[in-house]
């Protein structure tokens, strides 16, 4: 049996609750999604491959300046 990733488990849970969910396997892919899709919430893993979570948060600023982080 293959272990589900946290991303897959979270996506499944939120989808069953009626939310539209976009997932990305890394920070660069997430930035690409954000440039094409409006979102209300970002759930983020800080240890993503290719581009880490903190780097992603700095890069997403121009796309979503109203989404704050610290």
PDB file of N, CA and C in Angstrom:
ATOM      1  N   UNK A   1       0.840  -1.181   0.000  1.00  0.00           N
ATOM      2  CA  UNK A   1       0.000   0.000   0.000  1.00  0.00           C
ATOM      3  C   UNK A   1       0.887   1.246   0.000  1.00  0.00           C
ATOM      4  N   UNK A   2       0.569   2.198  -0.860  1.00  0.00           N
ATOM      5  CA  UNK A   2       1.361   3.421  -0.979  1.00  0.00           C
ATOM      6  C   UNK A   2       0.858   4.471   0.021  1.00  0.00           C
ATOM      7  N   UNK A   3       1.794   5.119   0.687  1.00  0.00           N
ATOM      8  CA  UNK A   3       1.461   6.152   1.652  1.00  0.00           C
ATOM      9  C   UNK A   3       1.035   7.428   0.931  1.00  0.00           C
ATOM     10  N   UNK A   4      -0.110   8.006   1.329  1.00  0.00           N
ATOM     11  CA  UNK A   4      -0.574   9.262   0.741  1.00  0.00           C
ATOM     12  C   UNK A   4       0.224  10.423   1.297  1.00  0.00           C
ATOM     13  N   UNK A   5       0.478  11.393   0.441  1.00  0.00           N
ATOM     14  CA  UNK A   5       1.185  12.583   0.888  1.00  0.00           C
ATOM     15  C   UNK A   5       0.226  13.493   1.642  1.00  0.00           C
ATOM     16  N   UNK A   6       0.793  14.366   2.435  1.00  0.00           N
ATOM     17  CA  UNK A   6      -0.021  15.340   3.148  1.00  0.00           C
ATOM     18  C   UNK A   6      -0.812  16.190   2.152  1.00  0.00           C
ATOM     19  N   UNK A   7      -0.185  16.545   1.024  1.00  0.00           N
ATOM     20  CA  UNK A   7      -0.858  17.325  -0.010  1.00  0.00           C
ATOM     21  C   UNK A   7      -2.083  16.579  -0.528  1.00  0.00           C
ATOM     22  N   UNK A   8      -1.938  15.298  -0.832  1.00  0.00           N
ATOM     23  CA  UNK A   8      -3.062  14.510  -1.350  1.00  0.00           C
ATOM     24  C   UNK A   8      -4.160  14.341  -0.305  1.00  0.00           C
ATOM     25  N   UNK A   9      -3.771  14.076   0.928  1.00  0.00           N
ATOM     26  CA  UNK A   9      -4.757  13.915   2.005  1.00  0.00           C
ATOM     27  C   UNK A   9      -5.525  15.205   2.249  1.00  0.00           C
ATOM     28  N   UNK A  10      -4.808  16.318   2.308  1.00  0.00           N
ATOM     29  CA  UNK A  10      -5.452  17.618   2.544  1.00  0.00           C
ATOM     30  C   UNK A  10      -6.376  17.985   1.392  1.00  0.00           C
ATOM     31  N   UNK A  11      -5.909  17.764   0.175  1.00  0.00           N
ATOM     32  CA  UNK A  11      -6.711  18.056  -1.003  1.00  0.00           C
ATOM     33  C   UNK A  11      -7.998  17.237  -1.002  1.00  0.00           C
ATOM     34  N   UNK A  12      -7.887  15.956  -0.714  1.00  0.00           N
ATOM     35  CA  UNK A  12      -9.070  15.092  -0.665  1.00  0.00           C
ATOM     36  C   UNK A  12     -10.059  15.545   0.395  1.00  0.00           C
ATOM     37  N   UNK A  13      -9.555  15.857   1.565  1.00  0.00           N
ATOM     38  CA  UNK A  13     -10.421  16.313   2.663  1.00  0.00           C
ATOM     39  C   UNK A  13     -11.157  17.596   2.282  1.00  0.00           C
ATOM     40  N   UNK A  14     -10.420  18.587   1.776  1.00  0.00           N
ATOM     41  CA  UNK A  14     -11.033  19.871   1.422  1.00  0.00           C
ATOM     42  C   UNK A  14     -12.004  19.740   0.249  1.00  0.00           C
ATOM     43  N   UNK A  15     -11.678  18.889  -0.704  1.00  0.00           N
ATOM     44  CA  UNK A  15     -12.578  18.657  -1.836  1.00  0.00           C
ATOM     45  C   UNK A  15     -13.889  18.036  -1.359  1.00  0.00           C
ATOM     46  N   UNK A  16     -13.798  17.054  -0.460  1.00  0.00           N
ATOM     47  CA  UNK A  16     -15.017  16.431   0.085  1.00  0.00           C
ATOM     48  C   UNK A  16     -15.863  17.428   0.867  1.00  0.00           C
ATOM     49  N   UNK A  17     -15.238  18.456   1.417  1.00  0.00           N
ATOM     50  CA  UNK A  17     -15.963  19.500   2.148  1.00  0.00           C
ATOM     51  C   UNK A  17     -16.550  20.553   1.205  1.00  0.00           C
ATOM     52  N   UNK A  18     -16.323  20.415  -0.103  1.00  0.00           N
ATOM     53  CA  UNK A  18     -16.917  21.307  -1.081  1.00  0.00           C
ATOM     54  C   UNK A  18     -16.032  22.430  -1.587  1.00  0.00           C
ATOM     55  N   UNK A  19     -14.762  22.417  -1.211  1.00  0.00           N
ATOM     56  CA  UNK A  19     -13.841  23.460  -1.669  1.00  0.00           C
ATOM     57  C   UNK A  19     -13.208  23.075  -3.002  1.00  0.00           C
ATOM     58  N   UNK A  20     -12.940  24.070  -3.824  1.00  0.00           N
ATOM     59  CA  UNK A  20     -12.150  23.868  -5.031  1.00  0.00           C
ATOM     60  C   UNK A  20     -10.682  23.936  -4.617  1.00  0.00           C
ATOM     61  N   UNK A  21      -9.913  22.948  -4.996  1.00  0.00           N
ATOM     62  CA  UNK A  21      -8.527  22.845  -4.531  1.00  0.00           C
ATOM     63  C   UNK A  21      -7.582  22.757  -5.729  1.00  0.00           C
ATOM     64  N   UNK A  22      -6.542  23.566  -5.703  1.00  0.00           N
ATOM     65  CA  UNK A  22      -5.437  23.464  -6.649  1.00  0.00           C
ATOM     66  C   UNK A  22      -4.232  22.966  -5.869  1.00  0.00           C
ATOM     67  N   UNK A  23      -3.482  22.046  -6.419  1.00  0.00           N
ATOM     68  CA  UNK A  23      -2.274  21.578  -5.732  1.00  0.00           C
ATOM     69  C   UNK A  23      -1.072  21.765  -6.648  1.00  0.00           C
ATOM     70  N   UNK A  24       0.080  21.892  -6.029  1.00  0.00           N
ATOM     71  CA  UNK A  24       1.334  22.028  -6.772  1.00  0.00           C
ATOM     72  C   UNK A  24       2.402  21.213  -6.061  1.00  0.00           C
ATOM     73  N   UNK A  25       3.240  20.570  -6.842  1.00  0.00           N
ATOM     74  CA  UNK A  25       4.279  19.723  -6.254  1.00  0.00           C
ATOM     75  C   UNK A  25       5.505  20.495  -5.805  1.00  0.00           C
ATOM     76  N   UNK A  26       5.594  21.786  -6.190  1.00  0.00           N
ATOM     77  CA  UNK A  26       6.715  22.596  -5.733  1.00  0.00           C
ATOM     78  C   UNK A  26       6.360  24.079  -5.845  1.00  0.00           C
ATOM     79  N   UNK A  27       7.205  24.929  -5.311  1.00  0.00           N
ATOM     80  CA  UNK A  27       6.940  26.361  -5.276  1.00  0.00           C
ATOM     81  C   UNK A  27       6.857  27.015  -6.641  1.00  0.00           C
ATOM     82  N   UNK A  28       7.705  26.584  -7.579  1.00  0.00           N
ATOM     83  CA  UNK A  28       7.647  27.167  -8.920  1.00  0.00           C
ATOM     84  C   UNK A  28       6.320  26.860  -9.593  1.00  0.00           C
ATOM     85  N   UNK A  29       5.856  25.649  -9.441  1.00  0.00           N
ATOM     86  CA  UNK A  29       4.558  25.254 -10.022  1.00  0.00           C
ATOM     87  C   UNK A  29       3.436  26.033  -9.350  1.00  0.00           C
ATOM     88  N   UNK A  30       3.527  26.253  -8.062  1.00  0.00           N
ATOM     89  CA  UNK A  30       2.511  27.021  -7.338  1.00  0.00           C
ATOM     90  C   UNK A  30       2.450  28.459  -7.850  1.00  0.00           C
ATOM     91  N   UNK A  31       3.603  29.078  -8.089  1.00  0.00           N
ATOM     92  CA  UNK A  31       3.611  30.438  -8.644  1.00  0.00           C
ATOM     93  C   UNK A  31       2.961  30.473 -10.016  1.00  0.00           C
ATOM     94  N   UNK A  32       3.202  29.450 -10.816  1.00  0.00           N
ATOM     95  CA  UNK A  32       2.570  29.365 -12.130  1.00  0.00           C
ATOM     96  C   UNK A  32       1.046  29.291 -11.977  1.00  0.00           C
ATOM     97  N   UNK A  33       0.559  28.457 -11.072  1.00  0.00           N
ATOM     98  CA  UNK A  33      -0.887  28.361 -10.815  1.00  0.00           C
ATOM     99  C   UNK A  33      -1.449  29.702 -10.367  1.00  0.00           C
ATOM    100  N   UNK A  34      -0.752  30.365  -9.453  1.00  0.00           N
ATOM    101  CA  UNK A  34      -1.246  31.632  -8.914  1.00  0.00           C
ATOM    102  C   UNK A  34      -1.332  32.723  -9.972  1.00  0.00           C
ATOM    103  N   UNK A  35      -0.466  32.658 -10.953  1.00  0.00           N
ATOM    104  CA  UNK A  35      -0.499  33.676 -12.001  1.00  0.00           C
ATOM    105  C   UNK A  35      -1.714  33.502 -12.913  1.00  0.00           C
ATOM    106  N   UNK A  36      -2.349  32.336 -12.858  1.00  0.00           N
ATOM    107  CA  UNK A  36      -3.479  32.029 -13.748  1.00  0.00           C
ATOM    108  C   UNK A  36      -4.795  31.796 -13.023  1.00  0.00           C
ATOM    109  N   UNK A  37      -4.759  31.634 -11.697  1.00  0.00           N
ATOM    110  CA  UNK A  37      -5.950  31.265 -10.940  1.00  0.00           C
ATOM    111  C   UNK A  37      -6.074  32.113  -9.681  1.00  0.00           C
ATOM    112  N   UNK A  38      -7.214  32.777  -9.497  1.00  0.00           N
ATOM    113  CA  UNK A  38      -7.399  33.506  -8.237  1.00  0.00           C
ATOM    114  C   UNK A  38      -7.619  32.513  -7.093  1.00  0.00           C
ATOM    115  N   UNK A  39      -7.065  32.827  -5.935  1.00  0.00           N
ATOM    116  CA  UNK A  39      -7.249  31.962  -4.756  1.00  0.00           C
ATOM    117  C   UNK A  39      -7.593  32.826  -3.547  1.00  0.00           C
ATOM    118  N   UNK A  40      -8.206  32.195  -2.566  1.00  0.00           N
ATOM    119  CA  UNK A  40      -8.544  32.876  -1.320  1.00  0.00           C
ATOM    120  C   UNK A  40      -7.615  32.483  -0.180  1.00  0.00           C
ATOM    121  N   UNK A  41      -7.072  31.274  -0.254  1.00  0.00           N
ATOM    122  CA  UNK A  41      -6.233  30.745   0.827  1.00  0.00           C
ATOM    123  C   UNK A  41      -5.071  29.972   0.210  1.00  0.00           C
ATOM    124  N   UNK A  42      -3.909  30.099   0.839  1.00  0.00           N
ATOM    125  CA  UNK A  42      -2.748  29.313   0.436  1.00  0.00           C
ATOM    126  C   UNK A  42      -2.306  28.481   1.634  1.00  0.00           C
ATOM    127  N   UNK A  43      -2.319  27.156   1.483  1.00  0.00           N
ATOM    128  CA  UNK A  43      -1.752  26.252   2.488  1.00  0.00           C
ATOM    129  C   UNK A  43      -0.391  25.851   1.952  1.00  0.00           C
ATOM    130  N   UNK A  44       0.627  26.028   2.759  1.00  0.00           N
ATOM    131  CA  UNK A  44       1.989  25.937   2.236  1.00  0.00           C
ATOM    132  C   UNK A  44       2.885  25.068   3.107  1.00  0.00           C
ATOM    133  N   UNK A  45       3.652  24.228   2.460  1.00  0.00           N
ATOM    134  CA  UNK A  45       4.698  23.455   3.116  1.00  0.00           C
ATOM    135  C   UNK A  45       5.987  24.263   2.991  1.00  0.00           C
ATOM    136  N   UNK A  46       6.651  24.515   4.071  1.00  0.00           N
ATOM    137  CA  UNK A  46       7.875  25.311   4.027  1.00  0.00           C
ATOM    138  C   UNK A  46       9.053  24.562   3.414  1.00  0.00           C
ATOM    139  N   UNK A  47       8.980  23.230   3.363  1.00  0.00           N
ATOM    140  CA  UNK A  47      10.086  22.432   2.827  1.00  0.00           C
ATOM    141  C   UNK A  47       9.687  21.781   1.503  1.00  0.00           C
ATOM    142  N   UNK A  48       9.402  22.609   0.518  1.00  0.00           N
ATOM    143  CA  UNK A  48       9.059  22.102  -0.815  1.00  0.00           C
ATOM    144  C   UNK A  48      10.328  21.950  -1.643  1.00  0.00           C
ATOM    145  N   UNK A  49      10.304  21.027  -2.616  1.00  0.00           N
ATOM    146  CA  UNK A  49      11.446  20.936  -3.523  1.00  0.00           C
ATOM    147  C   UNK A  49      11.441  22.111  -4.505  1.00  0.00           C
ATOM    148  N   UNK A  50      12.543  22.336  -5.146  1.00  0.00           N
ATOM    149  CA  UNK A  50      12.764  23.352  -6.180  1.00  0.00           C
ATOM    150  C   UNK A  50      12.779  24.761  -5.597  1.00  0.00           C
ATOM    151  N   UNK A  51      11.721  25.151  -4.918  1.00  0.00           N
ATOM    152  CA  UNK A  51      11.621  26.476  -4.298  1.00  0.00           C
ATOM    153  C   UNK A  51      10.984  26.293  -2.933  1.00  0.00           C
ATOM    154  N   UNK A  52      11.697  26.639  -1.878  1.00  0.00           N
ATOM    155  CA  UNK A  52      11.186  26.479  -0.525  1.00  0.00           C
ATOM    156  C   UNK A  52      10.025  27.407  -0.231  1.00  0.00           C
ATOM    157  N   UNK A  53       9.333  27.140   0.849  1.00  0.00           N
ATOM    158  CA  UNK A  53       8.160  27.912   1.222  1.00  0.00           C
ATOM    159  C   UNK A  53       8.419  29.391   1.460  1.00  0.00           C
ATOM    160  N   UNK A  54       9.501  29.717   2.159  1.00  0.00           N
ATOM    161  CA  UNK A  54       9.790  31.131   2.412  1.00  0.00           C
ATOM    162  C   UNK A  54      10.123  31.869   1.120  1.00  0.00           C
ATOM    163  N   UNK A  55      10.867  31.228   0.236  1.00  0.00           N
ATOM    164  CA  UNK A  55      11.179  31.829  -1.055  1.00  0.00           C
ATOM    165  C   UNK A  55       9.897  32.026  -1.875  1.00  0.00           C
ATOM    166  N   UNK A  56       9.013  31.032  -1.819  1.00  0.00           N
ATOM    167  CA  UNK A  56       7.726  31.149  -2.500  1.00  0.00           C
ATOM    168  C   UNK A  56       6.932  32.345  -1.980  1.00  0.00           C
ATOM    169  N   UNK A  57       6.892  32.512  -0.666  1.00  0.00           N
ATOM    170  CA  UNK A  57       6.128  33.615  -0.079  1.00  0.00           C
ATOM    171  C   UNK A  57       6.661  34.970  -0.530  1.00  0.00           C
ATOM    172  N   UNK A  58       7.969  35.104  -0.616  1.00  0.00           N
ATOM    173  CA  UNK A  58       8.542  36.360  -1.109  1.00  0.00           C
ATOM    174  C   UNK A  58       8.186  36.575  -2.579  1.00  0.00           C
ATOM    175  N   UNK A  59       8.217  35.525  -3.373  1.00  0.00           N
ATOM    176  CA  UNK A  59       7.966  35.638  -4.807  1.00  0.00           C
ATOM    177  C   UNK A  59       6.497  35.880  -5.126  1.00  0.00           C
ATOM    178  N   UNK A  60       5.585  35.395  -4.293  1.00  0.00           N
ATOM    179  CA  UNK A  60       4.158  35.553  -4.576  1.00  0.00           C
ATOM    180  C   UNK A  60       3.665  36.951  -4.269  1.00  0.00           C
ATOM    181  N   UNK A  61       4.445  37.753  -3.577  1.00  0.00           N
ATOM    182  CA  UNK A  61       4.040  39.092  -3.171  1.00  0.00           C
ATOM    183  C   UNK A  61       3.405  39.932  -4.258  1.00  0.00           C
ATOM    184  N   UNK A  62       4.031  40.063  -5.427  1.00  0.00           N
ATOM    185  CA  UNK A  62       3.422  40.878  -6.491  1.00  0.00           C
ATOM    186  C   UNK A  62       2.078  40.327  -6.990  1.00  0.00           C
ATOM    187  N   UNK A  63       1.887  39.005  -6.910  1.00  0.00           N
ATOM    188  CA  UNK A  63       0.636  38.412  -7.365  1.00  0.00           C
ATOM    189  C   UNK A  63      -0.492  38.592  -6.359  1.00  0.00           C
ATOM    190  N   UNK A  64      -0.160  38.505  -5.072  1.00  0.00           N
ATOM    191  CA  UNK A  64      -1.152  38.567  -4.000  1.00  0.00           C
ATOM    192  C   UNK A  64      -0.641  39.430  -2.864  1.00  0.00           C
ATOM    193  N   UNK A  65      -0.537  40.722  -3.063  1.00  0.00           N
ATOM    194  CA  UNK A  65       0.013  41.587  -2.010  1.00  0.00           C
ATOM    195  C   UNK A  65      -0.858  41.654  -0.760  1.00  0.00           C
ATOM    196  N   UNK A  66      -2.147  41.302  -0.863  1.00  0.00           N
ATOM    197  CA  UNK A  66      -3.048  41.355   0.290  1.00  0.00           C
ATOM    198  C   UNK A  66      -2.956  40.124   1.183  1.00  0.00           C
ATOM    199  N   UNK A  67      -2.318  39.064   0.718  1.00  0.00           N
ATOM    200  CA  UNK A  67      -2.127  37.868   1.538  1.00  0.00           C
ATOM    201  C   UNK A  67      -0.850  38.083   2.344  1.00  0.00           C
ATOM    202  N   UNK A  68      -1.027  38.267   3.640  1.00  0.00           N
ATOM    203  CA  UNK A  68       0.095  38.600   4.513  1.00  0.00           C
ATOM    204  C   UNK A  68       0.773  37.348   5.042  1.00  0.00           C
ATOM    205  N   UNK A  69       2.019  37.489   5.414  1.00  0.00           N
ATOM    206  CA  UNK A  69       2.759  36.396   6.065  1.00  0.00           C
ATOM    207  C   UNK A  69       3.835  37.007   6.947  1.00  0.00           C
ATOM    208  N   UNK A  70       4.271  36.228   7.893  1.00  0.00           N
ATOM    209  CA  UNK A  70       5.365  36.663   8.742  1.00  0.00           C
ATOM    210  C   UNK A  70       6.167  35.477   9.211  1.00  0.00           C
TER     211      UNK A  70
END
